[in-house]
C-alpha atoms as a PDB file:
ATOM      1  CA  MET A   1     105.568 -14.757  48.678  1.00  0.00           C
ATOM      2  CA  SER A   2     108.065 -15.730  51.390  1.00  0.00           C
ATOM      3  CA  LEU A   3     109.608 -19.179  51.707  1.00  0.00           C
ATOM      4  CA  LEU A   4     107.518 -19.889  54.809  1.00  0.00           C
ATOM      5  CA  ALA A   5     104.334 -18.977  52.977  1.00  0.00           C
ATOM      6  CA  LEU A   6     105.352 -21.297  50.143  1.00  0.00           C
ATOM      7  CA  LEU A   7     106.051 -23.994  52.729  1.00  0.00           C
ATOM      8  CA  GLN A   8     102.557 -23.601  54.151  1.00  0.00           C
ATOM      9  CA  THR A   9     101.038 -23.844  50.676  1.00  0.00           C
ATOM     10  CA  GLY A  10     103.077 -26.994  50.072  1.00  0.00           C
ATOM     11  CA  CYS A  11     101.786 -28.444  53.330  1.00  0.00           C
ATOM     12  CA  LEU A  12      98.175 -27.903  52.231  1.00  0.00           C
ATOM     13  CA  LEU A  13      98.961 -29.593  48.915  1.00  0.00           C
ATOM     14  CA  ALA A  14     100.580 -32.516  50.742  1.00  0.00           C
ATOM     15  CA  PHE A  15      97.504 -32.731  52.991  1.00  0.00           C
ATOM     16  CA  ALA A  16      95.224 -32.967  49.946  1.00  0.00           C
ATOM     17  CA  LEU A  17      97.444 -35.637  48.342  1.00  0.00           C
ATOM     18  CA  LEU A  18      97.445 -37.700  51.545  1.00  0.00           C
ATOM     19  CA  LEU A  19      93.635 -37.556  51.655  1.00  0.00           C
ATOM     20  CA  LEU A  20      93.503 -38.785  48.055  1.00  0.00           C
ATOM     21  CA  LEU A  21      95.934 -41.590  48.958  1.00  0.00           C
ATOM     22  CA  ALA A  22      93.711 -42.589  51.877  1.00  0.00           C
ATOM     23  CA  ALA A  23      90.651 -42.681  49.583  1.00  0.00           C
ATOM     24  CA  TRP A  24      92.545 -44.794  47.041  1.00  0.00           C
ATOM     25  CA  GLN A  25      93.686 -47.250  49.729  1.00  0.00           C
ATOM     26  CA  ASP A  26      90.194 -47.495  51.179  1.00  0.00           C
ATOM     27  CA  LEU A  27      88.631 -48.238  47.796  1.00  0.00           C
ATOM     28  CA  ARG A  28      91.236 -50.850  46.872  1.00  0.00           C
ATOM     29  CA  THR A  29      91.841 -52.640  50.168  1.00  0.00           C
ATOM     30  CA  LEU A  30      89.071 -51.385  52.533  1.00  0.00           C
ATOM     31  CA  GLN A  31      91.900 -50.327  54.869  1.00  0.00           C
ATOM     32  CA  ILE A  32      93.734 -47.075  55.557  1.00  0.00           C
ATOM     33  CA  ALA A  33      97.375 -47.381  56.567  1.00  0.00           C
ATOM     34  CA  ASP A  34      98.404 -45.711  59.828  1.00  0.00           C
ATOM     35  CA  ALA A  35     101.271 -44.063  57.922  1.00  0.00           C
ATOM     36  CA  VAL A  36      98.761 -41.872  56.058  1.00  0.00           C
ATOM     37  CA  SER A  37      97.253 -40.502  59.271  1.00  0.00           C
ATOM     38  CA  LEU A  38     100.706 -40.030  60.809  1.00  0.00           C
ATOM     39  CA  GLY A  39     101.791 -38.239  57.642  1.00  0.00           C
ATOM     40  CA  ILE A  40      98.884 -35.795  57.974  1.00  0.00           C
ATOM     41  CA  VAL A  41      99.848 -35.124  61.597  1.00  0.00           C
ATOM     42  CA  GLY A  42     103.435 -34.446  60.511  1.00  0.00           C
ATOM     43  CA  VAL A  43     102.292 -32.098  57.750  1.00  0.00           C
ATOM     44  CA  PHE A  44     100.117 -30.234  60.264  1.00  0.00           C
ATOM     45  CA  VAL A  45     103.081 -29.773  62.614  1.00  0.00           C
ATOM     46  CA  VAL A  46     105.163 -28.204  59.818  1.00  0.00           C
ATOM     47  CA  TRP A  47     102.213 -26.078  58.665  1.00  0.00           C
ATOM     48  CA  ALA A  48     101.461 -24.868  62.205  1.00  0.00           C
ATOM     49  CA  LEU A  49     105.121 -24.004  62.883  1.00  0.00           C
ATOM     50  CA  GLY A  50     105.240 -21.993  59.673  1.00  0.00           C
ATOM     51  CA  GLY A  51     102.055 -20.149  60.571  1.00  0.00           C
ATOM     52  CA  TRP A  52     103.334 -19.405  64.082  1.00  0.00           C
ATOM     53  CA  VAL A  53     106.597 -17.972  62.733  1.00  0.00           C
ATOM     54  CA  LEU A  54     104.685 -15.852  60.190  1.00  0.00           C
ATOM     55  CA  GLY A  55     102.295 -14.669  62.885  1.00  0.00           C
ATOM     56  CA  THR A  56      99.189 -16.036  61.131  1.00  0.00           C
ATOM     57  CA  LEU A  57      98.612 -18.738  63.768  1.00  0.00           C
ATOM     58  CA  SER A  58      98.673 -18.324  67.529  1.00  0.00           C
ATOM     59  CA  LEU A  59      99.597 -21.028  70.012  1.00  0.00           C
ATOM     60  CA  ALA A  60      96.038 -20.839  71.336  1.00  0.00           C
ATOM     61  CA  THR A  61      94.642 -21.644  67.874  1.00  0.00           C
ATOM     62  CA  VAL A  62      97.004 -24.598  67.529  1.00  0.00           C
ATOM     63  CA  GLY A  63      96.041 -25.785  71.004  1.00  0.00           C
ATOM     64  CA  LEU A  64      92.348 -25.626  70.127  1.00  0.00           C
ATOM     65  CA  ALA A  65      93.019 -27.623  66.952  1.00  0.00           C
ATOM     66  CA  LEU A  66      94.787 -30.311  69.004  1.00  0.00           C
ATOM     67  CA  ALA A  67      91.922 -30.401  71.517  1.00  0.00           C
ATOM     68  CA  CYS A  68      89.415 -30.665  68.663  1.00  0.00           C
ATOM     69  CA  ALA A  69      91.313 -33.587  67.119  1.00  0.00           C
ATOM     70  CA  ALA A  70      91.450 -35.320  70.507  1.00  0.00           C
ATOM     71  CA  ALA A  71      87.684 -34.919  70.903  1.00  0.00           C
ATOM     72  CA  VAL A  72      87.060 -36.300  67.412  1.00  0.00           C
ATOM     73  CA  PHE A  73      89.350 -39.256  68.167  1.00  0.00           C
ATOM     74  CA  ALA A  74      87.522 -39.957  71.447  1.00  0.00           C
ATOM     75  CA  ALA A  75      84.120 -39.863  69.744  1.00  0.00           C
ATOM     76  CA  GLY A  76      85.464 -42.035  66.943  1.00  0.00           C
ATOM     77  CA  ALA A  77      86.809 -44.559  69.466  1.00  0.00           C
ATOM     78  CA  VAL A  78      83.307 -44.915  70.878  1.00  0.00           C
ATOM     79  CA  ALA A  79      81.940 -45.429  67.356  1.00  0.00           C
ATOM     80  CA  PHE A  80      84.696 -47.991  66.687  1.00  0.00           C
ATOM     81  CA  ALA A  81      83.792 -49.907  69.846  1.00  0.00           C
ATOM     82  CA  ALA A  82      80.168 -49.971  68.669  1.00  0.00           C
ATOM     83  CA  GLY A  83      81.217 -51.250  65.233  1.00  0.00           C
ATOM     84  CA  ALA A  84      80.089 -48.103  63.416  1.00  0.00           C
ATOM     85  CA  LEU A  85      83.555 -46.978  62.221  1.00  0.00           C
ATOM     86  CA  GLY A  86      86.787 -48.702  61.322  1.00  0.00           C
ATOM     87  CA  GLY A  87      89.999 -48.019  63.185  1.00  0.00           C
ATOM     88  CA  GLY A  88      91.667 -46.468  60.147  1.00  0.00           C
ATOM     89  CA  ASP A  89      88.664 -44.190  59.589  1.00  0.00           C
ATOM     90  CA  VAL A  90      88.824 -42.915  63.169  1.00  0.00           C
ATOM     91  CA  LYS A  91      92.551 -42.091  62.982  1.00  0.00           C
ATOM     92  CA  LEU A  92      92.226 -40.416  59.592  1.00  0.00           C
ATOM     93  CA  LEU A  93      89.232 -38.337  60.707  1.00  0.00           C
ATOM     94  CA  ALA A  94      91.044 -37.171  63.840  1.00  0.00           C
ATOM     95  CA  ALA A  95      94.201 -36.288  61.896  1.00  0.00           C
ATOM     96  CA  ALA A  96      92.273 -34.403  59.206  1.00  0.00           C
ATOM     97  CA  SER A  97      90.313 -32.450  61.823  1.00  0.00           C
ATOM     98  CA  LEU A  98      93.576 -30.781  62.880  1.00  0.00           C
ATOM     99  CA  PHE A  99      93.353 -28.586  59.792  1.00  0.00           C
ATOM    100  CA  ALA A 100      89.667 -27.823  60.433  1.00  0.00           C
ATOM    101  CA  GLY A 101      90.207 -26.504  63.941  1.00  0.00           C
ATOM    102  CA  MET A 102      87.558 -25.690  66.514  1.00  0.00           C
ATOM    103  CA  GLY A 103      85.620 -23.162  64.394  1.00  0.00           C
ATOM    104  CA  PRO A 104      84.494 -25.025  61.248  1.00  0.00           C
ATOM    105  CA  ILE A 105      84.704 -28.538  62.740  1.00  0.00           C
ATOM    106  CA  SER A 106      80.931 -29.069  62.564  1.00  0.00           C
ATOM    107  CA  ASP A 107      80.923 -28.107  58.874  1.00  0.00           C
ATOM    108  CA  PHE A 108      83.915 -30.378  58.286  1.00  0.00           C
ATOM    109  CA  LEU A 109      82.191 -33.383  59.888  1.00  0.00           C
ATOM    110  CA  LEU A 110      78.904 -32.679  58.079  1.00  0.00           C
ATOM    111  CA  VAL A 111      80.570 -32.421  54.663  1.00  0.00           C
ATOM    112  CA  THR A 112      82.641 -35.543  55.387  1.00  0.00           C
ATOM    113  CA  ALA A 113      79.487 -37.513  56.255  1.00  0.00           C
ATOM    114  CA  LEU A 114      77.564 -36.279  53.206  1.00  0.00           C
ATOM    115  CA  VAL A 115      80.411 -36.879  50.747  1.00  0.00           C
ATOM    116  CA  GLY A 116      81.104 -40.268  52.331  1.00  0.00           C
ATOM    117  CA  GLY A 117      77.452 -41.232  51.890  1.00  0.00           C
ATOM    118  CA  VAL A 118      77.464 -40.197  48.226  1.00  0.00           C
ATOM    119  CA  LEU A 119      80.691 -42.126  47.584  1.00  0.00           C
ATOM    120  CA  GLY A 120      79.279 -45.141  49.430  1.00  0.00           C
ATOM    121  CA  VAL A 121      76.196 -45.193  47.200  1.00  0.00           C
ATOM    122  CA  ALA A 122      78.421 -44.816  44.123  1.00  0.00           C
ATOM    123  CA  VAL A 123      80.574 -47.757  45.227  1.00  0.00           C
ATOM    124  CA  LEU A 124      77.506 -49.914  45.875  1.00  0.00           C
ATOM    125  CA  ALA A 125      75.998 -48.976  42.518  1.00  0.00           C
ATOM    126  CA  GLY A 126      79.227 -50.017  40.791  1.00  0.00           C
ATOM    127  CA  ALA A 127      79.759 -53.215  42.787  1.00  0.00           C
ATOM    128  CA  PRO A 128      81.052 -56.129  40.671  1.00  0.00           C
ATOM    129  CA  LEU A 129      78.640 -58.856  39.636  1.00  0.00           C
ATOM    130  CA  PRO A 130      78.871 -62.349  41.159  1.00  0.00           C
ATOM    131  CA  GLU A 131      80.493 -65.265  39.390  1.00  0.00           C
ATOM    132  CA  GLY A 132      78.458 -66.512  36.457  1.00  0.00           C
ATOM    133  CA  PHE A 133      77.075 -63.051  35.619  1.00  0.00           C
ATOM    134  CA  ALA A 134      78.917 -61.467  32.706  1.00  0.00           C
ATOM    135  CA  SER A 135      76.264 -58.751  32.752  1.00  0.00           C
ATOM    136  CA  LEU A 136      72.939 -58.048  34.390  1.00  0.00           C
ATOM    137  CA  PRO A 137      69.972 -60.070  33.136  1.00  0.00           C
ATOM    138  CA  VAL A 138      67.956 -58.329  30.420  1.00  0.00           C
ATOM    139  CA  ALA A 139      65.096 -57.657  32.839  1.00  0.00           C
ATOM    140  CA  LEU A 140      67.447 -55.643  35.099  1.00  0.00           C
ATOM    141  CA  ARG A 141      69.530 -53.616  32.658  1.00  0.00           C
ATOM    142  CA  ASP A 142      67.231 -50.589  32.807  1.00  0.00           C
ATOM    143  CA  ARG A 143      66.909 -50.746  36.590  1.00  0.00           C
ATOM    144  CA  ARG A 144      69.558 -48.985  38.691  1.00  0.00           C
ATOM    145  CA  ILE A 145      70.400 -51.215  41.663  1.00  0.00           C
ATOM    146  CA  ALA A 146      72.886 -50.658  44.482  1.00  0.00           C
ATOM    147  CA  PHE A 147      73.669 -53.782  46.487  1.00  0.00           C
ATOM    148  CA  LYS A 148      75.873 -55.095  49.287  1.00  0.00           C
ATOM    149  CA  THR A 149      76.612 -58.661  50.357  1.00  0.00           C
ATOM    150  CA  GLY A 150      77.827 -60.132  53.617  1.00  0.00           C
ATOM    151  CA  THR A 151      78.735 -63.418  55.276  1.00  0.00           C
ATOM    152  CA  SER A 152      78.509 -63.943  59.035  1.00  0.00           C
ATOM    153  CA  ALA A 153      81.229 -65.554  61.124  1.00  0.00           C
ATOM    154  CA  GLY A 154      81.473 -69.298  60.627  1.00  0.00           C
ATOM    155  CA  PHE A 155      79.475 -69.190  57.367  1.00  0.00           C
ATOM    156  CA  ARG A 156      76.206 -69.366  59.334  1.00  0.00           C
ATOM    157  CA  ASP A 157      74.456 -66.700  57.247  1.00  0.00           C
ATOM    158  CA  ALA A 158      74.803 -65.340  53.732  1.00  0.00           C
ATOM    159  CA  TRP A 159      73.184 -61.977  53.032  1.00  0.00           C
ATOM    160  CA  ALA A 160      72.496 -59.698  50.112  1.00  0.00           C
ATOM    161  CA  ALA A 161      70.709 -56.355  50.383  1.00  0.00           C
ATOM    162  CA  GLY A 162      69.888 -54.112  47.446  1.00  0.00           C
ATOM    163  CA  TYR A 163      67.692 -51.183  46.561  1.00  0.00           C
ATOM    164  CA  SER A 164      66.481 -49.373  43.484  1.00  0.00           C
ATOM    165  CA  ALA A 165      64.437 -46.187  43.155  1.00  0.00           C
ATOM    166  CA  ASN A 166      61.264 -47.840  44.442  1.00  0.00           C
ATOM    167  CA  TRP A 167      62.154 -51.247  45.856  1.00  0.00           C
ATOM    168  CA  THR A 168      64.347 -52.678  48.617  1.00  0.00           C
ATOM    169  CA  VAL A 169      65.163 -56.397  48.657  1.00  0.00           C
ATOM    170  CA  VAL A 170      67.015 -58.301  51.383  1.00  0.00           C
ATOM    171  CA  VAL A 171      67.918 -61.972  50.959  1.00  0.00           C
ATOM    172  CA  TRP A 172      69.093 -64.333  53.689  1.00  0.00           C
ATOM    173  CA  VAL A 173      70.412 -67.808  52.919  1.00  0.00           C
ATOM    174  CA  GLY A 174      71.252 -70.285  55.675  1.00  0.00           C
ATOM    175  CA  HIS A 175      69.988 -73.028  57.952  1.00  0.00           C
ATOM    176  CA  ALA A 176      67.323 -72.180  60.522  1.00  0.00           C
ATOM    177  CA  ASP A 177      69.353 -73.873  63.259  1.00  0.00           C
ATOM    178  CA  GLY A 178      72.506 -71.899  62.424  1.00  0.00           C
ATOM    179  CA  THR A 179      74.447 -74.850  61.010  1.00  0.00           C
ATOM    180  CA  PRO A 180      77.522 -73.534  59.137  1.00  0.00           C
ATOM    181  CA  ARG A 181      77.627 -73.721  55.340  1.00  0.00           C
ATOM    182  CA  PRO A 182      81.378 -73.517  54.561  1.00  0.00           C
ATOM    183  CA  GLY A 183      82.233 -71.595  51.420  1.00  0.00           C
ATOM    184  CA  GLN A 184      78.736 -70.182  50.916  1.00  0.00           C
ATOM    185  CA  LEU A 185      79.427 -66.475  50.672  1.00  0.00           C
ATOM    186  CA  GLY A 186      76.778 -63.804  50.264  1.00  0.00           C
ATOM    187  CA  ARG A 187      78.029 -63.083  46.727  1.00  0.00           C
ATOM    188  CA  LEU A 188      77.704 -66.728  45.716  1.00  0.00           C
ATOM    189  CA  SER A 189      74.438 -67.828  47.293  1.00  0.00           C
ATOM    190  CA  ALA A 190      72.353 -64.770  48.237  1.00  0.00           C
ATOM    191  CA  LEU A 191      73.160 -62.256  45.493  1.00  0.00           C
ATOM    192  CA  PRO A 192      71.831 -64.372  42.568  1.00  0.00           C
ATOM    193  CA  VAL A 193      68.548 -64.740  44.480  1.00  0.00           C
ATOM    194  CA  LEU A 194      68.431 -60.961  44.970  1.00  0.00           C
ATOM    195  CA  PHE A 195      68.840 -60.394  41.223  1.00  0.00           C
ATOM    196  CA  LYS A 196      66.090 -62.900  40.483  1.00  0.00           C
ATOM    197  CA  ALA A 197      63.784 -61.146  42.954  1.00  0.00           C
ATOM    198  CA  PHE A 198      64.404 -57.770  41.295  1.00  0.00           C
ATOM    199  CA  SER A 199      63.770 -59.273  37.862  1.00  0.00           C
ATOM    200  CA  ARG A 200      60.247 -60.280  38.981  1.00  0.00           C
ATOM    201  CA  LEU A 201      59.332 -56.827  40.300  1.00  0.00           C
ATOM    202  CA  PRO A 202      57.325 -54.349  38.182  1.00  0.00           C
ATOM    203  CA  VAL A 203      59.237 -52.146  35.753  1.00  0.00           C
ATOM    204  CA  GLU A 204      60.235 -48.758  37.176  1.00  0.00           C
ATOM    205  CA  ASP A 205      61.518 -45.507  35.691  1.00  0.00           C
ATOM    206  CA  ASN A 206      64.307 -45.018  38.283  1.00  0.00           C
ATOM    207  CA  ARG A 207      62.495 -42.031  39.789  1.00  0.00           C
ATOM    208  CA  ALA A 208      61.894 -42.368  43.508  1.00  0.00           C
ATOM    209  CA  GLN A 209      58.289 -42.099  44.655  1.00  0.00           C
ATOM    210  CA  PRO A 210      57.376 -39.688  47.483  1.00  0.00           C
ATOM    211  CA  ALA A 211      57.364 -41.175  50.965  1.00  0.00           C
ATOM    212  CA  PRO A 212      53.985 -42.314  52.374  1.00  0.00           C
ATOM    213  CA  ALA A 213      52.164 -39.758  54.483  1.00  0.00           C
ATOM    214  CA  ASP A 214      52.415 -41.934  57.609  1.00  0.00           C
ATOM    215  CA  VAL A 215      56.138 -42.707  57.279  1.00  0.00           C
ATOM    216  CA  LEU A 216      58.135 -42.393  60.493  1.00  0.00           C
ATOM    217  CA  ARG A 217      60.506 -39.433  60.198  1.00  0.00           C
ATOM    218  CA  VAL A 218      63.245 -38.944  62.790  1.00  0.00           C
ATOM    219  CA  ALA A 219      66.417 -36.877  62.974  1.00  0.00           C
ATOM    220  CA  SER A 220      68.206 -39.337  65.280  1.00  0.00           C
ATOM    221  CA  TYR A 221      67.803 -42.940  66.372  1.00  0.00           C
ATOM    222  CA  HIS A 222      67.036 -41.566  69.848  1.00  0.00           C
ATOM    223  CA  GLU A 223      63.653 -40.508  68.449  1.00  0.00           C
ATOM    224  CA  LEU A 224      62.776 -44.048  67.353  1.00  0.00           C
ATOM    225  CA  PRO A 225      60.433 -46.222  69.418  1.00  0.00           C
ATOM    226  CA  LEU A 226      62.441 -48.182  71.997  1.00  0.00           C
ATOM    227  CA  ARG A 227      62.032 -51.542  70.231  1.00  0.00           C
ATOM    228  CA  MET A 228      63.359 -50.087  66.958  1.00  0.00           C
ATOM    229  CA  ARG A 229      66.611 -48.670  68.337  1.00  0.00           C
ATOM    230  CA  THR A 230      68.622 -51.899  68.376  1.00  0.00           C
ATOM    231  CA  LEU A 231      68.720 -55.110  66.366  1.00  0.00           C
ATOM    232  CA  GLY A 232      70.695 -57.119  68.912  1.00  0.00           C
ATOM    233  CA  PRO A 233      69.353 -59.894  71.121  1.00  0.00           C
ATOM    234  CA  VAL A 234      67.277 -58.833  74.107  1.00  0.00           C
ATOM    235  CA  ALA A 235      66.940 -60.487  77.479  1.00  0.00           C
ATOM    236  CA  ASP A 236      64.019 -62.896  77.836  1.00  0.00           C
ATOM    237  CA  ALA A 237      61.048 -62.357  80.104  1.00  0.00           C
ATOM    238  CA  HIS A 238      62.796 -64.157  82.992  1.00  0.00           C
ATOM    239  CA  GLY A 239      65.628 -61.639  83.157  1.00  0.00           C
ATOM    240  CA  ALA A 240      68.372 -63.509  81.339  1.00  0.00           C
ATOM    241  CA  PRO A 241      71.592 -61.528  80.918  1.00  0.00           C
ATOM    242  CA  ARG A 242      72.254 -59.783  77.600  1.00  0.00           C
ATOM    243  CA  ILE A 243      75.786 -59.275  76.359  1.00  0.00           C
ATOM    244  CA  ALA A 244      76.411 -55.561  75.813  1.00  0.00           C
ATOM    245  CA  TYR A 245      80.019 -55.948  74.648  1.00  0.00           C
ATOM    246  CA  PRO A 246      81.272 -57.464  72.453  1.00  0.00           C
ATOM    247  CA  PRO A 247      78.285 -57.195  70.085  1.00  0.00           C
ATOM    248  CA  PRO A 248      77.212 -60.197  67.978  1.00  0.00           C
ATOM    249  CA  ASP A 249      79.450 -61.014  64.985  1.00  0.00           C
ATOM    250  CA  ALA A 250      81.893 -58.259  65.963  1.00  0.00           C
ATOM    251  CA  ARG A 251      85.290 -57.993  64.267  1.00  0.00           C
ATOM    252  CA  ILE A 252      87.761 -56.893  66.950  1.00  0.00           C
ATOM    253  CA  GLU A 253      91.269 -55.703  66.086  1.00  0.00           C
ATOM    254  CA  LEU A 254      93.727 -56.286  68.922  1.00  0.00           C
ATOM    255  CA  GLY A 255      97.421 -55.937  69.573  1.00  0.00           C
ATOM    256  CA  ALA A 256      99.557 -58.560  71.306  1.00  0.00           C
ATOM    257  CA  ARG A 257      98.199 -59.479  74.770  1.00  0.00           C
ATOM    258  CA  GLU A 258      95.519 -56.777  74.531  1.00  0.00           C
ATOM    259  CA  ALA A 259      92.410 -57.517  76.567  1.00  0.00           C
ATOM    260  CA  VAL A 260      88.765 -57.371  75.531  1.00  0.00           C
ATOM    261  CA  PRO A 261      86.432 -55.859  78.157  1.00  0.00           C
ATOM    262  CA  LEU A 262      83.293 -57.926  78.697  1.00  0.00           C
ATOM    263  CA  SER A 263      80.020 -56.421  79.882  1.00  0.00           C
ATOM    264  CA  ALA A 264      76.436 -57.620  80.178  1.00  0.00           C
ATOM    265  CA  LEU A 265      73.065 -56.207  81.184  1.00  0.00           C
ATOM    266  CA  GLY A 266      70.458 -57.928  83.332  1.00  0.00           C
ATOM    267  CA  GLY A 267      70.743 -61.375  84.853  1.00  0.00           C
ATOM    268  CA  GLU A 268      70.383 -62.583  88.426  1.00  0.00           C
ATOM    269  CA  GLY A 269      73.275 -62.480  90.841  1.00  0.00           C
ATOM    270  CA  ARG A 270      76.896 -62.968  89.854  1.00  0.00           C
ATOM    271  CA  LEU A 271      77.661 -63.356  86.150  1.00  0.00           C
ATOM    272  CA  ARG A 272      80.177 -65.899  84.879  1.00  0.00           C
ATOM    273  CA  TRP A 273      81.916 -65.569  81.504  1.00  0.00           C
ATOM    274  CA  LEU A 274      83.012 -68.376  79.219  1.00  0.00           C
ATOM    275  CA  VAL A 275      84.992 -68.345  75.958  1.00  0.00           C
ATOM    276  CA  ASP A 276      84.508 -71.462  73.824  1.00  0.00           C
ATOM    277  CA  GLY A 277      83.255 -73.199  76.968  1.00  0.00           C
ATOM    278  CA  ARG A 278      86.232 -72.253  79.132  1.00  0.00           C
ATOM    279  CA  PRO A 279      85.438 -70.144  82.238  1.00  0.00           C
ATOM    280  CA  LEU A 280      87.148 -66.801  82.783  1.00  0.00           C
ATOM    281  CA  ASP A 281      88.123 -64.973  85.948  1.00  0.00           C
ATOM    282  CA  GLY A 282      86.714 -61.459  85.926  1.00  0.00           C
ATOM    283  CA  THR A 283      85.536 -59.420  82.972  1.00  0.00           C
ATOM    284  CA  LYS A 284      88.796 -59.065  81.030  1.00  0.00           C
ATOM    285  CA  TRP A 285      89.577 -61.586  78.305  1.00  0.00           C
ATOM    286  CA  VAL A 286      92.947 -61.861  76.575  1.00  0.00           C
ATOM    287  CA  PRO A 287      92.499 -63.938  73.373  1.00  0.00           C
ATOM    288  CA  ASP A 288      95.061 -66.626  72.584  1.00  0.00           C
ATOM    289  CA  GLY A 289      95.291 -65.377  69.013  1.00  0.00           C
ATOM    290  CA  PRO A 290      93.245 -64.543  65.915  1.00  0.00           C
ATOM    291  CA  GLY A 291      90.176 -66.578  65.041  1.00  0.00           C
ATOM    292  CA  THR A 292      86.439 -66.953  65.631  1.00  0.00           C
ATOM    293  CA  VAL A 293      85.271 -67.661  69.184  1.00  0.00           C
ATOM    294  CA  ARG A 294      82.020 -67.969  71.115  1.00  0.00           C
ATOM    295  CA  VAL A 295      81.636 -65.711  74.159  1.00  0.00           C
ATOM    296  CA  ALA A 296      78.916 -66.649  76.650  1.00  0.00           C
ATOM    297  CA  VAL A 297      77.646 -65.284  79.963  1.00  0.00           C
ATOM    298  CA  VAL A 298      75.677 -67.241  82.595  1.00  0.00           C
ATOM    299  CA  ASP A 299      73.948 -65.875  85.699  1.00  0.00           C
ATOM    300  CA  GLU A 300      73.333 -67.654  89.013  1.00  0.00           C
ATOM    301  CA  ALA A 301      69.863 -68.737  87.880  1.00  0.00           C
ATOM    302  CA  GLY A 302      71.325 -70.595  84.906  1.00  0.00           C
ATOM    303  CA  HIS A 303      70.116 -68.130  82.287  1.00  0.00           C
ATOM    304  CA  SER A 304      72.628 -67.434  79.552  1.00  0.00           C
ATOM    305  CA  SER A 305      73.285 -65.668  76.276  1.00  0.00           C
ATOM    306  CA  ALA A 306      76.159 -65.897  73.803  1.00  0.00           C
ATOM    307  CA  VAL A 307      77.689 -64.117  70.837  1.00  0.00           C
ATOM    308  CA  THR A 308      80.228 -65.095  68.208  1.00  0.00           C
ATOM    309  CA  VAL A 309      83.119 -62.702  67.552  1.00  0.00           C
ATOM    310  CA  ARG A 310      86.161 -62.684  65.313  1.00  0.00           C
ATOM    311  CA  ILE A 311      89.579 -61.624  66.601  1.00  0.00           C
ATOM    312  CA  VAL A 312      92.100 -60.201  64.124  1.00  0.00           C
ATOM    313  CA  GLU A 313      95.626 -58.895  64.655  1.00  0.00           C
ATOM    314  CA  ARG A 314      96.154 -55.162  64.480  1.00  0.00           C
ATOM    315  CA  HIS A 315      98.889 -54.261  62.018  1.00  0.00           C
END
């Protein structure tokens, strides 16, 4: 085996190690450092140069791989804007797709989604118990439960959602008027209620039951009835504007002096934007810094809607 062939093999090994590092970082910190994605790009450059010199890779193949990665990054950016993917996930996916190339990219994305789903379920199933629970209550020890907690911006809502083979339980804790409850996290206030709810359900053998005959089966959310496609606020019957971006309770990572585009649907006449009660000129908003803010839009008829978003610095 020539030195260049050994170099290419080393590049593939380095690629695998960088993917493992990204998985380890994601599990420990829920973040993926940009250096990992940049490292994969650098490894690809060395690997592609070696293949070109050996004659196993053509410039056209490398160009298609770059175009494929750009397309994956663009699609991921749209998913990031919608809150479906994290920024680190998008950059890692685009960098890793360089090695997949244009041919097997669909298989690569499918396997990534399936393996990611399996790992996600495994992480949820092994989630740590809340404070005060050294172990699961006796009534729950034979029931396999995967759960996830959450806390909305400003401590207005505490959530816990869990499922077993046959049951799904969602718990919300908060004030009906949205009054904040500082310090009341989903793990502290909602999760104990979820465990108590599961302990009162009938015993199960951890084998999932077949779906009902009339269950709604779809391959994409586009096939859902219109009212089931979104969970966001909708405009009222009088045509009030609805904020399309940013979405409610969004977490937006921004660099210094980076603007947030504002958009809304519906409304009558000219729309005016306000951030924490202060009017804006136009539809570009440059936050003063990190923190939680209230973004509102008002039309000429006086109808309005608002969302709360959290701004964080991009590192």
